C-alpha atoms as a PDB file:
ATOM      1  CA  UNK A   1      14.970 -10.800  15.373  1.00  0.00           C
ATOM      2  CA  UNK A   2      11.529 -10.531  17.190  1.00  0.00           C
ATOM      3  CA  UNK A   3       9.520  -7.277  17.389  1.00  0.00           C
ATOM      4  CA  UNK A   4      11.090  -6.085  20.735  1.00  0.00           C
ATOM      5  CA  UNK A   5      14.360  -5.547  19.356  1.00  0.00           C
ATOM      6  CA  UNK A   6      13.395  -3.292  16.503  1.00  0.00           C
ATOM      7  CA  UNK A   7      14.338   0.404  17.256  1.00  0.00           C
ATOM      8  CA  UNK A   8      11.151   1.990  16.347  1.00  0.00           C
ATOM      9  CA  UNK A   9      10.427   5.733  15.688  1.00  0.00           C
ATOM     10  CA  UNK A  10       7.595   6.251  13.351  1.00  0.00           C
ATOM     11  CA  UNK A  11       4.330   4.884  14.317  1.00  0.00           C
ATOM     12  CA  UNK A  12       2.461   3.291  11.324  1.00  0.00           C
ATOM     13  CA  UNK A  13      -0.461   1.226  10.294  1.00  0.00           C
ATOM     14  CA  UNK A  14      -0.523  -0.593   7.117  1.00  0.00           C
ATOM     15  CA  UNK A  15      -4.033  -0.956   5.194  1.00  0.00           C
ATOM     16  CA  UNK A  16      -3.623  -3.466   2.546  1.00  0.00           C
ATOM     17  CA  UNK A  17      -4.902  -6.013   0.230  1.00  0.00           C
ATOM     18  CA  UNK A  18      -2.152  -8.423  -0.420  1.00  0.00           C
ATOM     19  CA  UNK A  19      -1.168  -8.728  -3.241  1.00  0.00           C
ATOM     20  CA  UNK A  20       2.265  -9.422  -4.566  1.00  0.00           C
ATOM     21  CA  UNK A  21       3.232  -5.755  -4.430  1.00  0.00           C
ATOM     22  CA  UNK A  22       1.540  -5.314  -1.040  1.00  0.00           C
ATOM     23  CA  UNK A  23       3.775  -8.315   0.167  1.00  0.00           C
ATOM     24  CA  UNK A  24       6.888  -6.746  -1.076  1.00  0.00           C
ATOM     25  CA  UNK A  25       5.995  -3.375   0.542  1.00  0.00           C
ATOM     26  CA  UNK A  26       5.425  -5.174   4.026  1.00  0.00           C
ATOM     27  CA  UNK A  27       8.664  -7.592   3.802  1.00  0.00           C
ATOM     28  CA  UNK A  28      10.493  -4.053   3.381  1.00  0.00           C
ATOM     29  CA  UNK A  29       8.864  -2.402   6.092  1.00  0.00           C
ATOM     30  CA  UNK A  30       9.336  -5.415   8.616  1.00  0.00           C
ATOM     31  CA  UNK A  31      13.054  -4.912   8.610  1.00  0.00           C
ATOM     32  CA  UNK A  32      13.186  -1.040   8.839  1.00  0.00           C
ATOM     33  CA  UNK A  33      13.961   0.061  12.211  1.00  0.00           C
ATOM     34  CA  UNK A  34      12.587   3.421  11.494  1.00  0.00           C
ATOM     35  CA  UNK A  35       9.180   1.921  11.504  1.00  0.00           C
ATOM     36  CA  UNK A  36       7.017   1.026  14.429  1.00  0.00           C
ATOM     37  CA  UNK A  37       4.345  -1.162  12.682  1.00  0.00           C
ATOM     38  CA  UNK A  38       1.361  -1.139  15.016  1.00  0.00           C
ATOM     39  CA  UNK A  39      -1.031  -3.014  12.970  1.00  0.00           C
ATOM     40  CA  UNK A  40      -1.856  -4.437   9.703  1.00  0.00           C
ATOM     41  CA  UNK A  41      -5.524  -4.052   8.253  1.00  0.00           C
ATOM     42  CA  UNK A  42      -6.785  -6.018   5.317  1.00  0.00           C
ATOM     43  CA  UNK A  43      -9.559  -5.057   2.867  1.00  0.00           C
ATOM     44  CA  UNK A  44     -11.427  -6.500  -0.097  1.00  0.00           C
ATOM     45  CA  UNK A  45      -9.338  -5.680  -3.120  1.00  0.00           C
ATOM     46  CA  UNK A  46      -6.692  -7.588  -5.003  1.00  0.00           C
ATOM     47  CA  UNK A  47      -8.498 -10.764  -3.615  1.00  0.00           C
ATOM     48  CA  UNK A  48     -11.606 -11.391  -1.679  1.00  0.00           C
ATOM     49  CA  UNK A  49     -11.274 -10.527   1.973  1.00  0.00           C
ATOM     50  CA  UNK A  50     -10.668 -13.917   3.246  1.00  0.00           C
ATOM     51  CA  UNK A  51      -7.840 -14.444   0.926  1.00  0.00           C
ATOM     52  CA  UNK A  52      -6.207 -10.939   1.612  1.00  0.00           C
ATOM     53  CA  UNK A  53      -6.599 -11.859   5.359  1.00  0.00           C
ATOM     54  CA  UNK A  54      -4.819 -15.210   4.871  1.00  0.00           C
ATOM     55  CA  UNK A  55      -1.965 -13.563   2.765  1.00  0.00           C
ATOM     56  CA  UNK A  56      -1.367 -11.048   5.346  1.00  0.00           C
ATOM     57  CA  UNK A  57      -0.909 -13.703   7.984  1.00  0.00           C
ATOM     58  CA  UNK A  58       1.251 -15.865   5.603  1.00  0.00           C
ATOM     59  CA  UNK A  59       3.564 -12.763   4.895  1.00  0.00           C
ATOM     60  CA  UNK A  60       3.803 -11.970   8.722  1.00  0.00           C
ATOM     61  CA  UNK A  61       4.730 -15.865   9.110  1.00  0.00           C
ATOM     62  CA  UNK A  62       7.302 -15.681   6.509  1.00  0.00           C
ATOM     63  CA  UNK A  63       9.104 -12.719   8.154  1.00  0.00           C
ATOM     64  CA  UNK A  64       8.876 -13.811  11.503  1.00  0.00           C
ATOM     65  CA  UNK A  65       6.806 -10.865  12.366  1.00  0.00           C
ATOM     66  CA  UNK A  66       3.942 -12.671  14.237  1.00  0.00           C
ATOM     67  CA  UNK A  67       3.674 -10.102  16.968  1.00  0.00           C
ATOM     68  CA  UNK A  68       2.076  -7.635  14.625  1.00  0.00           C
ATOM     69  CA  UNK A  69      -1.849  -7.656  14.990  1.00  0.00           C
ATOM     70  CA  UNK A  70      -3.752  -8.438  11.596  1.00  0.00           C
ATOM     71  CA  UNK A  71      -7.240  -7.209  11.405  1.00  0.00           C
ATOM     72  CA  UNK A  72      -9.976  -8.301   8.917  1.00  0.00           C
ATOM     73  CA  UNK A  73     -11.440  -5.343   7.318  1.00  0.00           C
ATOM     74  CA  UNK A  74     -14.377  -4.346   4.722  1.00  0.00           C
ATOM     75  CA  UNK A  75     -15.430  -7.610   2.832  1.00  0.00           C
ATOM     76  CA  UNK A  76     -16.826  -5.290   0.053  1.00  0.00           C
ATOM     77  CA  UNK A  77     -16.757  -1.734  -1.405  1.00  0.00           C
ATOM     78  CA  UNK A  78     -19.115   0.934   0.007  1.00  0.00           C
ATOM     79  CA  UNK A  79     -21.419   0.881  -3.015  1.00  0.00           C
ATOM     80  CA  UNK A  80     -20.149  -0.839  -6.064  1.00  0.00           C
ATOM     81  CA  UNK A  81     -19.741  -4.639  -6.757  1.00  0.00           C
ATOM     82  CA  UNK A  82     -16.325  -5.880  -5.884  1.00  0.00           C
ATOM     83  CA  UNK A  83     -13.681  -6.360  -8.455  1.00  0.00           C
ATOM     84  CA  UNK A  84     -10.280  -8.163  -8.056  1.00  0.00           C
ATOM     85  CA  UNK A  85      -6.769  -7.924  -9.341  1.00  0.00           C
ATOM     86  CA  UNK A  86      -5.636  -9.417 -12.744  1.00  0.00           C
ATOM     87  CA  UNK A  87      -1.920  -9.955 -12.166  1.00  0.00           C
ATOM     88  CA  UNK A  88      -1.563 -11.701  -8.676  1.00  0.00           C
ATOM     89  CA  UNK A  89      -2.589 -15.382  -9.486  1.00  0.00           C
ATOM     90  CA  UNK A  90      -5.136 -17.555  -7.978  1.00  0.00           C
ATOM     91  CA  UNK A  91      -4.117 -17.012  -4.324  1.00  0.00           C
ATOM     92  CA  UNK A  92      -2.807 -13.227  -4.836  1.00  0.00           C
ATOM     93  CA  UNK A  93       0.834 -14.123  -4.123  1.00  0.00           C
ATOM     94  CA  UNK A  94       1.740 -15.234  -7.537  1.00  0.00           C
ATOM     95  CA  UNK A  95       3.645 -18.568  -7.600  1.00  0.00           C
ATOM     96  CA  UNK A  96       4.747 -18.311  -3.950  1.00  0.00           C
ATOM     97  CA  UNK A  97       3.502 -21.165  -1.816  1.00  0.00           C
ATOM     98  CA  UNK A  98       3.906 -20.208   1.683  1.00  0.00           C
ATOM     99  CA  UNK A  99       3.332 -22.401   4.858  1.00  0.00           C
ATOM    100  CA  UNK A 100       0.189 -22.412   6.895  1.00  0.00           C
ATOM    101  CA  UNK A 101       0.136 -19.340   9.172  1.00  0.00           C
ATOM    102  CA  UNK A 102       0.446 -20.310  12.774  1.00  0.00           C
ATOM    103  CA  UNK A 103      -0.825 -16.543  13.603  1.00  0.00           C
ATOM    104  CA  UNK A 104      -4.514 -16.086  13.861  1.00  0.00           C
ATOM    105  CA  UNK A 105      -6.272 -12.769  12.881  1.00  0.00           C
ATOM    106  CA  UNK A 106      -7.232 -10.409  15.562  1.00  0.00           C
ATOM    107  CA  UNK A 107     -11.103 -10.527  16.762  1.00  0.00           C
ATOM    108  CA  UNK A 108     -11.308  -6.910  16.243  1.00  0.00           C
ATOM    109  CA  UNK A 109     -12.145  -5.686  12.992  1.00  0.00           C
ATOM    110  CA  UNK A 110     -10.016  -3.253  10.858  1.00  0.00           C
ATOM    111  CA  UNK A 111     -12.333  -0.300  11.217  1.00  0.00           C
ATOM    112  CA  UNK A 112     -12.871  -0.790  14.981  1.00  0.00           C
ATOM    113  CA  UNK A 113      -8.920  -1.034  15.299  1.00  0.00           C
ATOM    114  CA  UNK A 114      -8.628   2.210  13.214  1.00  0.00           C
ATOM    115  CA  UNK A 115     -10.922   4.045  15.451  1.00  0.00           C
ATOM    116  CA  UNK A 116      -9.278   2.548  18.607  1.00  0.00           C
ATOM    117  CA  UNK A 117      -5.636   3.575  17.679  1.00  0.00           C
ATOM    118  CA  UNK A 118      -6.436   6.879  16.211  1.00  0.00           C
ATOM    119  CA  UNK A 119      -8.746   7.807  18.808  1.00  0.00           C
ATOM    120  CA  UNK A 120      -6.185   6.974  21.671  1.00  0.00           C
ATOM    121  CA  UNK A 121      -3.784   9.154  19.673  1.00  0.00           C
ATOM    122  CA  UNK A 122      -6.071  11.921  19.871  1.00  0.00           C
ATOM    123  CA  UNK A 123      -6.995  11.413  23.586  1.00  0.00           C
ATOM    124  CA  UNK A 124      -3.417  10.951  24.699  1.00  0.00           C
ATOM    125  CA  UNK A 125      -2.209  13.819  22.281  1.00  0.00           C
ATOM    126  CA  UNK A 126       0.101  11.794  20.493  1.00  0.00           C
ATOM    127  CA  UNK A 127       1.988  10.411  18.906  1.00  0.00           C
ATOM    128  CA  UNK A 128      -0.041  10.701  15.837  1.00  0.00           C
ATOM    129  CA  UNK A 129      -0.081   7.512  13.386  1.00  0.00           C
ATOM    130  CA  UNK A 130       0.966   7.689   9.724  1.00  0.00           C
ATOM    131  CA  UNK A 131      -1.497   5.304   7.798  1.00  0.00           C
ATOM    132  CA  UNK A 132      -0.014   3.495   4.959  1.00  0.00           C
ATOM    133  CA  UNK A 133      -3.133   2.779   2.316  1.00  0.00           C
ATOM    134  CA  UNK A 134      -2.043   0.121  -0.302  1.00  0.00           C
ATOM    135  CA  UNK A 135      -5.440  -0.949  -1.242  1.00  0.00           C
ATOM    136  CA  UNK A 136      -8.973   0.379  -1.639  1.00  0.00           C
ATOM    137  CA  UNK A 137      -9.699   3.102   1.001  1.00  0.00           C
ATOM    138  CA  UNK A 138     -12.992   1.336   2.433  1.00  0.00           C
ATOM    139  CA  UNK A 139     -11.668   0.783   5.845  1.00  0.00           C
ATOM    140  CA  UNK A 140     -10.594   4.407   6.339  1.00  0.00           C
ATOM    141  CA  UNK A 141     -13.662   5.733   4.921  1.00  0.00           C
ATOM    142  CA  UNK A 142     -15.818   3.633   7.171  1.00  0.00           C
ATOM    143  CA  UNK A 143     -13.823   4.820  10.209  1.00  0.00           C
ATOM    144  CA  UNK A 144     -14.059   8.461   9.468  1.00  0.00           C
ATOM    145  CA  UNK A 145     -17.720   8.118   8.814  1.00  0.00           C
ATOM    146  CA  UNK A 146     -18.382   6.434  12.095  1.00  0.00           C
ATOM    147  CA  UNK A 147     -15.757   8.807  14.092  1.00  0.00           C
ATOM    148  CA  UNK A 148     -14.942  11.712  12.163  1.00  0.00           C
ATOM    149  CA  UNK A 149     -12.763  13.016  15.268  1.00  0.00           C
ATOM    150  CA  UNK A 150     -10.081  10.281  14.806  1.00  0.00           C
ATOM    151  CA  UNK A 151      -8.861  12.481  11.868  1.00  0.00           C
ATOM    152  CA  UNK A 152      -6.850  14.281  14.542  1.00  0.00           C
ATOM    153  CA  UNK A 153      -4.924  11.216  15.276  1.00  0.00           C
ATOM    154  CA  UNK A 154      -3.508  10.939  11.777  1.00  0.00           C
ATOM    155  CA  UNK A 155       0.008  12.224  11.029  1.00  0.00           C
ATOM    156  CA  UNK A 156      -0.391  11.432   7.347  1.00  0.00           C
ATOM    157  CA  UNK A 157      -1.892   9.307   4.908  1.00  0.00           C
ATOM    158  CA  UNK A 158       0.799   8.051   2.441  1.00  0.00           C
ATOM    159  CA  UNK A 159      -1.202   6.099  -0.261  1.00  0.00           C
ATOM    160  CA  UNK A 160      -0.703   4.148  -3.591  1.00  0.00           C
ATOM    161  CA  UNK A 161      -3.658   5.041  -5.817  1.00  0.00           C
ATOM    162  CA  UNK A 162      -4.936   7.167  -8.618  1.00  0.00           C
ATOM    163  CA  UNK A 163      -3.744   8.275 -11.916  1.00  0.00           C
ATOM    164  CA  UNK A 164      -3.356  11.761 -13.191  1.00  0.00           C
ATOM    165  CA  UNK A 165      -1.235  12.258 -16.241  1.00  0.00           C
ATOM    166  CA  UNK A 166      -0.757   8.629 -16.688  1.00  0.00           C
ATOM    167  CA  UNK A 167      -3.785   6.579 -18.282  1.00  0.00           C
ATOM    168  CA  UNK A 168      -5.531   3.855 -16.048  1.00  0.00           C
ATOM    169  CA  UNK A 169      -4.178   0.540 -15.377  1.00  0.00           C
ATOM    170  CA  UNK A 170      -7.782  -1.325 -14.950  1.00  0.00           C
ATOM    171  CA  UNK A 171      -9.749   0.893 -16.978  1.00  0.00           C
ATOM    172  CA  UNK A 172      -9.236   3.542 -19.695  1.00  0.00           C
ATOM    173  CA  UNK A 173      -9.008   6.311 -16.990  1.00  0.00           C
ATOM    174  CA  UNK A 174      -8.826   4.709 -13.547  1.00  0.00           C
ATOM    175  CA  UNK A 175      -6.125   2.902 -11.388  1.00  0.00           C
ATOM    176  CA  UNK A 176      -7.202   0.045  -9.649  1.00  0.00           C
ATOM    177  CA  UNK A 177      -7.431   0.995  -5.852  1.00  0.00           C
ATOM    178  CA  UNK A 178      -9.494   4.041  -7.140  1.00  0.00           C
ATOM    179  CA  UNK A 179     -11.748   1.958  -9.241  1.00  0.00           C
ATOM    180  CA  UNK A 180     -12.325  -0.836  -6.734  1.00  0.00           C
ATOM    181  CA  UNK A 181     -13.850   1.492  -4.347  1.00  0.00           C
ATOM    182  CA  UNK A 182     -14.296   5.089  -5.872  1.00  0.00           C
ATOM    183  CA  UNK A 183     -16.959   6.048  -2.980  1.00  0.00           C
ATOM    184  CA  UNK A 184     -14.563   5.402  -0.412  1.00  0.00           C
ATOM    185  CA  UNK A 185     -11.775   7.559  -2.085  1.00  0.00           C
ATOM    186  CA  UNK A 186     -13.975  10.364  -2.313  1.00  0.00           C
ATOM    187  CA  UNK A 187     -14.653  10.275   1.264  1.00  0.00           C
ATOM    188  CA  UNK A 188     -11.172  10.160   2.181  1.00  0.00           C
ATOM    189  CA  UNK A 189     -10.149  12.889   0.032  1.00  0.00           C
ATOM    190  CA  UNK A 190     -12.861  15.172   1.247  1.00  0.00           C
ATOM    191  CA  UNK A 191     -11.607  14.648   4.737  1.00  0.00           C
ATOM    192  CA  UNK A 192      -9.029  17.114   4.996  1.00  0.00           C
ATOM    193  CA  UNK A 193      -6.403  14.856   5.919  1.00  0.00           C
ATOM    194  CA  UNK A 194      -2.739  15.461   5.258  1.00  0.00           C
ATOM    195  CA  UNK A 195      -1.956  12.959   2.422  1.00  0.00           C
ATOM    196  CA  UNK A 196       0.843  11.811   0.197  1.00  0.00           C
ATOM    197  CA  UNK A 197      -0.218  10.255  -3.137  1.00  0.00           C
ATOM    198  CA  UNK A 198       1.803   7.795  -5.058  1.00  0.00           C
ATOM    199  CA  UNK A 199      -0.220   7.202  -8.405  1.00  0.00           C
ATOM    200  CA  UNK A 200       0.705   5.499 -11.530  1.00  0.00           C
ATOM    201  CA  UNK A 201       2.587   8.819 -12.591  1.00  0.00           C
ATOM    202  CA  UNK A 202       5.072   7.894  -9.848  1.00  0.00           C
ATOM    203  CA  UNK A 203       4.936   3.977  -9.894  1.00  0.00           C
ATOM    204  CA  UNK A 204       5.269   3.649 -13.570  1.00  0.00           C
ATOM    205  CA  UNK A 205       8.740   5.326 -13.431  1.00  0.00           C
ATOM    206  CA  UNK A 206      10.098   2.695 -11.231  1.00  0.00           C
ATOM    207  CA  UNK A 207       9.958  -0.466 -13.487  1.00  0.00           C
ATOM    208  CA  UNK A 208      11.724  -3.611 -12.084  1.00  0.00           C
ATOM    209  CA  UNK A 209      13.001  -5.230 -15.107  1.00  0.00           C
ATOM    210  CA  UNK A 210      14.059  -8.936 -15.317  1.00  0.00           C
ATOM    211  CA  UNK A 211      17.523  -8.337 -14.009  1.00  0.00           C
ATOM    212  CA  UNK A 212      16.229  -6.248 -11.019  1.00  0.00           C
ATOM    213  CA  UNK A 213      14.055  -9.068 -10.168  1.00  0.00           C
ATOM    214  CA  UNK A 214      16.991 -11.640 -10.090  1.00  0.00           C
ATOM    215  CA  UNK A 215      18.833  -9.133  -7.935  1.00  0.00           C
ATOM    216  CA  UNK A 216      15.877  -9.058  -5.567  1.00  0.00           C
ATOM    217  CA  UNK A 217      15.644 -12.651  -5.397  1.00  0.00           C
ATOM    218  CA  UNK A 218      19.546 -13.208  -4.832  1.00  0.00           C
ATOM    219  CA  UNK A 219      19.555 -10.447  -1.988  1.00  0.00           C
ATOM    220  CA  UNK A 220      16.694 -11.916   0.031  1.00  0.00           C
ATOM    221  CA  UNK A 221      18.533 -14.854   1.790  1.00  0.00           C
ATOM    222  CA  UNK A 222      16.146 -17.210   3.755  1.00  0.00           C
ATOM    223  CA  UNK A 223      13.004 -15.792   1.987  1.00  0.00           C
ATOM    224  CA  UNK A 224      14.465 -15.999  -1.480  1.00  0.00           C
ATOM    225  CA  UNK A 225      12.300 -19.042  -2.446  1.00  0.00           C
ATOM    226  CA  UNK A 226       9.321 -17.065  -1.530  1.00  0.00           C
ATOM    227  CA  UNK A 227      10.613 -14.028  -3.123  1.00  0.00           C
ATOM    228  CA  UNK A 228      11.285 -15.834  -6.406  1.00  0.00           C
ATOM    229  CA  UNK A 229       7.661 -17.137  -6.397  1.00  0.00           C
ATOM    230  CA  UNK A 230       5.981 -13.794  -5.686  1.00  0.00           C
ATOM    231  CA  UNK A 231       8.030 -12.124  -8.630  1.00  0.00           C
ATOM    232  CA  UNK A 232       7.695 -15.050 -11.020  1.00  0.00           C
ATOM    233  CA  UNK A 233       5.345 -13.338 -13.172  1.00  0.00           C
ATOM    234  CA  UNK A 234       6.394  -9.742 -12.464  1.00  0.00           C
ATOM    235  CA  UNK A 235       7.409  -9.055 -16.164  1.00  0.00           C
ATOM    236  CA  UNK A 236       4.341  -7.675 -17.892  1.00  0.00           C
ATOM    237  CA  UNK A 237       6.328  -7.821 -21.179  1.00  0.00           C
ATOM    238  CA  UNK A 238       4.543  -4.692 -22.360  1.00  0.00           C
ATOM    239  CA  UNK A 239       7.546  -2.427 -23.649  1.00  0.00           C
ATOM    240  CA  UNK A 240       4.919  -0.295 -25.419  1.00  0.00           C
ATOM    241  CA  UNK A 241       3.435   0.766 -22.259  1.00  0.00           C
ATOM    242  CA  UNK A 242       6.117   0.714 -19.993  1.00  0.00           C
ATOM    243  CA  UNK A 243       8.983   1.737 -22.383  1.00  0.00           C
ATOM    244  CA  UNK A 244      10.751  -1.564 -21.458  1.00  0.00           C
ATOM    245  CA  UNK A 245      10.277  -4.990 -20.226  1.00  0.00           C
ATOM    246  CA  UNK A 246       9.281  -5.557 -16.711  1.00  0.00           C
ATOM    247  CA  UNK A 247       6.539  -4.275 -14.324  1.00  0.00           C
ATOM    248  CA  UNK A 248       5.984  -1.252 -12.000  1.00  0.00           C
ATOM    249  CA  UNK A 249       6.572  -1.038  -8.405  1.00  0.00           C
ATOM    250  CA  UNK A 250       3.490   0.056  -7.004  1.00  0.00           C
ATOM    251  CA  UNK A 251       2.705  -0.448  -3.512  1.00  0.00           C
ATOM    252  CA  UNK A 252       6.501  -0.761  -2.283  1.00  0.00           C
ATOM    253  CA  UNK A 253       6.735   2.975  -3.244  1.00  0.00           C
ATOM    254  CA  UNK A 254       4.717   3.753  -0.055  1.00  0.00           C
ATOM    255  CA  UNK A 255       7.214   1.956   2.227  1.00  0.00           C
ATOM    256  CA  UNK A 256      10.038   3.483   0.396  1.00  0.00           C
ATOM    257  CA  UNK A 257       8.610   7.019   0.740  1.00  0.00           C
ATOM    258  CA  UNK A 258       8.303   6.511   4.474  1.00  0.00           C
ATOM    259  CA  UNK A 259      12.196   5.623   4.840  1.00  0.00           C
ATOM    260  CA  UNK A 260      13.501   7.709   1.991  1.00  0.00           C
ATOM    261  CA  UNK A 261      11.325  10.965   1.096  1.00  0.00           C
ATOM    262  CA  UNK A 262      14.199  12.575  -0.415  1.00  0.00           C
ATOM    263  CA  UNK A 263      13.928  10.116  -3.392  1.00  0.00           C
ATOM    264  CA  UNK A 264      10.484  11.629  -4.104  1.00  0.00           C
ATOM    265  CA  UNK A 265       9.333  15.174  -5.581  1.00  0.00           C
ATOM    266  CA  UNK A 266       5.593  16.239  -4.905  1.00  0.00           C
ATOM    267  CA  UNK A 267       3.374  18.947  -6.127  1.00  0.00           C
ATOM    268  CA  UNK A 268       0.200  19.799  -4.120  1.00  0.00           C
ATOM    269  CA  UNK A 269      -3.261  19.762  -5.738  1.00  0.00           C
ATOM    270  CA  UNK A 270      -6.924  19.319  -5.052  1.00  0.00           C
ATOM    271  CA  UNK A 271      -7.930  15.625  -5.824  1.00  0.00           C
ATOM    272  CA  UNK A 272     -11.474  14.692  -7.036  1.00  0.00           C
ATOM    273  CA  UNK A 273     -12.543  11.346  -7.628  1.00  0.00           C
ATOM    274  CA  UNK A 274     -15.355  10.362 -10.153  1.00  0.00           C
ATOM    275  CA  UNK A 275     -18.185   8.241  -8.605  1.00  0.00           C
ATOM    276  CA  UNK A 276     -20.730   8.380 -11.214  1.00  0.00           C
ATOM    277  CA  UNK A 277     -19.548   7.987 -14.813  1.00  0.00           C
ATOM    278  CA  UNK A 278     -19.661   4.432 -16.250  1.00  0.00           C
ATOM    279  CA  UNK A 279     -16.827   5.322 -18.498  1.00  0.00           C
ATOM    280  CA  UNK A 280     -14.560   7.206 -16.064  1.00  0.00           C
ATOM    281  CA  UNK A 281     -15.673   5.601 -12.674  1.00  0.00           C
ATOM    282  CA  UNK A 282     -12.891   5.876 -10.185  1.00  0.00           C
ATOM    283  CA  UNK A 283     -10.912   8.429 -12.308  1.00  0.00           C
ATOM    284  CA  UNK A 284      -8.755  10.870 -10.023  1.00  0.00           C
ATOM    285  CA  UNK A 285      -8.785  14.432 -11.311  1.00  0.00           C
ATOM    286  CA  UNK A 286      -6.116  16.823 -10.048  1.00  0.00           C
ATOM    287  CA  UNK A 287      -6.549  20.596  -9.904  1.00  0.00           C
ATOM    288  CA  UNK A 288      -3.061  21.826 -10.416  1.00  0.00           C
ATOM    289  CA  UNK A 289      -4.226  25.484 -11.053  1.00  0.00           C
ATOM    290  CA  UNK A 290      -6.639  26.021  -8.533  1.00  0.00           C
ATOM    291  CA  UNK A 291      -9.372  26.437 -11.075  1.00  0.00           C
ATOM    292  CA  UNK A 292     -11.925  24.616  -8.665  1.00  0.00           C
ATOM    293  CA  UNK A 293     -11.500  27.380  -6.152  1.00  0.00           C
ATOM    294  CA  UNK A 294     -10.935  24.562  -3.538  1.00  0.00           C
ATOM    295  CA  UNK A 295      -7.621  24.223  -1.368  1.00  0.00           C
ATOM    296  CA  UNK A 296      -5.212  21.386  -2.361  1.00  0.00           C
ATOM    297  CA  UNK A 297      -5.710  18.312  -0.251  1.00  0.00           C
ATOM    298  CA  UNK A 298      -2.992  16.148  -1.264  1.00  0.00           C
ATOM    299  CA  UNK A 299       0.977  16.168  -2.209  1.00  0.00           C
ATOM    300  CA  UNK A 300       1.031  14.175  -5.501  1.00  0.00           C
ATOM    301  CA  UNK A 301       4.338  12.480  -6.170  1.00  0.00           C
ATOM    302  CA  UNK A 302       5.497  13.227  -9.749  1.00  0.00           C
ATOM    303  CA  UNK A 303       9.167  12.416  -9.828  1.00  0.00           C
ATOM    304  CA  UNK A 304      10.744   9.472  -8.217  1.00  0.00           C
ATOM    305  CA  UNK A 305      14.580   8.393  -8.354  1.00  0.00           C
ATOM    306  CA  UNK A 306      13.942   4.880  -9.418  1.00  0.00           C
ATOM    307  CA  UNK A 307      17.542   3.691  -9.097  1.00  0.00           C
ATOM    308  CA  UNK A 308      17.621   5.070  -5.662  1.00  0.00           C
ATOM    309  CA  UNK A 309      14.374   3.038  -4.603  1.00  0.00           C
ATOM    310  CA  UNK A 310      15.589   0.002  -6.206  1.00  0.00           C
ATOM    311  CA  UNK A 311      18.977   0.188  -4.303  1.00  0.00           C
ATOM    312  CA  UNK A 312      16.917   0.945  -1.062  1.00  0.00           C
ATOM    313  CA  UNK A 313      15.062  -2.308  -1.460  1.00  0.00           C
ATOM    314  CA  UNK A 314      17.943  -4.174  -2.282  1.00  0.00           C
ATOM    315  CA  UNK A 315      19.365  -3.150   1.070  1.00  0.00           C
ATOM    316  CA  UNK A 316      16.073  -3.855   3.034  1.00  0.00           C
ATOM    317  CA  UNK A 317      15.970  -7.544   1.434  1.00  0.00           C
ATOM    318  CA  UNK A 318      19.695  -8.006   2.189  1.00  0.00           C
ATOM    319  CA  UNK A 319      18.520  -7.999   6.007  1.00  0.00           C
ATOM    320  CA  UNK A 320      16.889 -11.331   5.571  1.00  0.00           C
ATOM    321  CA  UNK A 321      20.259 -12.832   4.582  1.00  0.00           C
ATOM    322  CA  UNK A 322      22.437 -11.033   7.349  1.00  0.00           C
ATOM    323  CA  UNK A 323      19.812 -11.473  10.284  1.00  0.00           C
ATOM    324  CA  UNK A 324      18.497 -14.799   9.313  1.00  0.00           C
ATOM    325  CA  UNK A 325      14.895 -13.503  10.718  1.00  0.00           C
ATOM    326  CA  UNK A 326      12.986 -10.353  10.111  1.00  0.00           C
END
């Protein structure tokens, strides 16, 4: 199915650093007729920018969605030295070996593209755009600093990042996306945007066990070989941390939230990001009880219907079998 046959309703932009779980989030979104994907932005994160850009192009190629513009974004964090993901393999796509992408990246950078899309939404008075942030927030922070008025074109930021009651997954206190660019996160959280935050408190509730992975691969039709490669090392084999074998479904929860918000329960709070402490750099601190005197700036997801999310993704992946193409 080509892009023109999609019945779109919600305009979205994905800002990501593919990454295995970013790729699954995109593959799910590609076959969801409820979503009108205006652009994919890439950023330095799980891998260096050159690789995350290539991975995004390859995932579009795999899904048959070469009509979606893919823009290269920030090649490094705002202030700190880059760090990269530990569980995504040499290429960032696990054991998947995807063909050379025929699609080329856009000449326009991600920050310029954000300013353009959101600026037009402001000038034309809608529709506003939902930003789906799956990686470090560098692109959005830069865009807001350059053109703060674009905030008026954002319907909501739905992002994966942070850890509140849960411990960090890259340091003792911090989730990877926040640690990768804490200064950018601080800029975004201070911007007064409508935000929904899916941190480790949410993602660690949705553990894909080996039997789930087998079902995902079996359901995904013509992309099953690629899915098997993506998920070959999904099992963290760390029951002490996760309560069972398997691995958490991080970034795909953003797509799931867009499609089925009824599967999630949220609580508003003010989020602060630590940008100075060597020990706690990137820690997200939620003011649950208004002790800071600052108003809430995000809805934090605290409860997830895990089986509902898994069933949702099984249904999405089945589209690759039913339709033959995304």
